[in-house]
């Protein structure tokens, strides 16, 4: 798996695949819950590049906390 993709297992056992891609003038981040066809995605402006994994995961906190 490339450095810009990773899987995190949450305390409830849910696995989420995250990705982080820097584009010319923006950053594109995604989160996909294992076994779910829905992919959450966010396009950020250039000022929000070089995000840490924790910052990427934090951007999806509300969506991922839903049951």
C-alpha atoms as a PDB file:
ATOM      1  CA  UNK A   1       0.000   0.000   0.000  1.00  0.00           C
ATOM      2  CA  UNK A   2       1.480   3.400  -0.946  1.00  0.00           C
ATOM      3  CA  UNK A   3       2.495   5.888   1.776  1.00  0.00           C
ATOM      4  CA  UNK A   4      -0.495   8.060   0.931  1.00  0.00           C
ATOM      5  CA  UNK A   5      -2.929   5.216   1.785  1.00  0.00           C
ATOM      6  CA  UNK A   6      -3.422   3.474   5.118  1.00  0.00           C
ATOM      7  CA  UNK A   7      -5.980   1.425   7.039  1.00  0.00           C
ATOM      8  CA  UNK A   8      -6.957   2.222  10.607  1.00  0.00           C
ATOM      9  CA  UNK A   9      -8.841  -0.178  12.857  1.00  0.00           C
ATOM     10  CA  UNK A  10     -11.026   1.636  15.391  1.00  0.00           C
ATOM     11  CA  UNK A  11     -11.841   0.424  18.908  1.00  0.00           C
ATOM     12  CA  UNK A  12     -15.213  -0.928  17.735  1.00  0.00           C
ATOM     13  CA  UNK A  13     -13.432  -3.115  15.139  1.00  0.00           C
ATOM     14  CA  UNK A  14     -14.423  -0.932  12.175  1.00  0.00           C
ATOM     15  CA  UNK A  15     -11.669  -0.687   9.537  1.00  0.00           C
ATOM     16  CA  UNK A  16     -11.355   2.454   7.429  1.00  0.00           C
ATOM     17  CA  UNK A  17      -9.057   3.003   4.469  1.00  0.00           C
ATOM     18  CA  UNK A  18      -7.775   6.576   4.171  1.00  0.00           C
ATOM     19  CA  UNK A  19      -5.919   8.250   1.311  1.00  0.00           C
ATOM     20  CA  UNK A  20      -4.198  11.600   0.881  1.00  0.00           C
ATOM     21  CA  UNK A  21      -3.179  12.923  -2.547  1.00  0.00           C
ATOM     22  CA  UNK A  22      -1.596  16.287  -3.224  1.00  0.00           C
ATOM     23  CA  UNK A  23      -2.664  17.851  -6.499  1.00  0.00           C
ATOM     24  CA  UNK A  24      -1.276  20.979  -8.168  1.00  0.00           C
ATOM     25  CA  UNK A  25      -3.463  23.468  -6.312  1.00  0.00           C
ATOM     26  CA  UNK A  26      -5.291  21.285  -3.812  1.00  0.00           C
ATOM     27  CA  UNK A  27      -5.266  18.207  -1.609  1.00  0.00           C
ATOM     28  CA  UNK A  28      -7.740  15.344  -2.107  1.00  0.00           C
ATOM     29  CA  UNK A  29      -8.475  13.113   0.895  1.00  0.00           C
ATOM     30  CA  UNK A  30     -10.777  10.089   1.152  1.00  0.00           C
ATOM     31  CA  UNK A  31     -12.120   7.612   3.709  1.00  0.00           C
ATOM     32  CA  UNK A  32     -13.893   4.321   2.992  1.00  0.00           C
ATOM     33  CA  UNK A  33     -15.336   2.018   5.632  1.00  0.00           C
ATOM     34  CA  UNK A  34     -14.500  -1.643   4.985  1.00  0.00           C
ATOM     35  CA  UNK A  35     -17.321  -3.435   3.169  1.00  0.00           C
ATOM     36  CA  UNK A  36     -19.007  -0.160   2.227  1.00  0.00           C
ATOM     37  CA  UNK A  37     -19.212   1.143  -1.336  1.00  0.00           C
ATOM     38  CA  UNK A  38     -19.518   4.746  -0.135  1.00  0.00           C
ATOM     39  CA  UNK A  39     -16.306   6.763  -0.250  1.00  0.00           C
ATOM     40  CA  UNK A  40     -16.225  10.019   1.682  1.00  0.00           C
ATOM     41  CA  UNK A  41     -14.035  12.599  -0.039  1.00  0.00           C
ATOM     42  CA  UNK A  42     -12.911  16.165   0.580  1.00  0.00           C
ATOM     43  CA  UNK A  43     -11.084  18.531  -1.749  1.00  0.00           C
ATOM     44  CA  UNK A  44      -9.016  21.046   0.219  1.00  0.00           C
ATOM     45  CA  UNK A  45      -7.443  24.246  -1.053  1.00  0.00           C
ATOM     46  CA  UNK A  46      -3.690  24.604  -1.496  1.00  0.00           C
ATOM     47  CA  UNK A  47      -3.245  26.123   1.964  1.00  0.00           C
ATOM     48  CA  UNK A  48      -4.171  22.772   3.527  1.00  0.00           C
ATOM     49  CA  UNK A  49      -1.420  20.556   2.142  1.00  0.00           C
ATOM     50  CA  UNK A  50       1.027  18.435   4.143  1.00  0.00           C
ATOM     51  CA  UNK A  51      -1.635  17.090   6.490  1.00  0.00           C
ATOM     52  CA  UNK A  52      -0.630  14.417   8.986  1.00  0.00           C
ATOM     53  CA  UNK A  53      -2.522  11.121   9.104  1.00  0.00           C
ATOM     54  CA  UNK A  54      -4.252  12.277  12.283  1.00  0.00           C
ATOM     55  CA  UNK A  55      -5.393  15.496  10.567  1.00  0.00           C
ATOM     56  CA  UNK A  56      -6.760  13.546   7.585  1.00  0.00           C
ATOM     57  CA  UNK A  57      -8.628  11.134   9.868  1.00  0.00           C
ATOM     58  CA  UNK A  58      -9.971  14.050  11.916  1.00  0.00           C
ATOM     59  CA  UNK A  59     -11.581  15.578   8.825  1.00  0.00           C
ATOM     60  CA  UNK A  60     -13.882  12.513   8.623  1.00  0.00           C
ATOM     61  CA  UNK A  61     -14.595  12.188  12.351  1.00  0.00           C
ATOM     62  CA  UNK A  62     -18.301  13.135  12.088  1.00  0.00           C
ATOM     63  CA  UNK A  63     -19.040  10.796   9.151  1.00  0.00           C
ATOM     64  CA  UNK A  64     -17.195   7.873  10.689  1.00  0.00           C
ATOM     65  CA  UNK A  65     -18.870   8.231  14.085  1.00  0.00           C
ATOM     66  CA  UNK A  66     -22.296   7.540  12.561  1.00  0.00           C
ATOM     67  CA  UNK A  67     -23.608   4.032  13.067  1.00  0.00           C
END
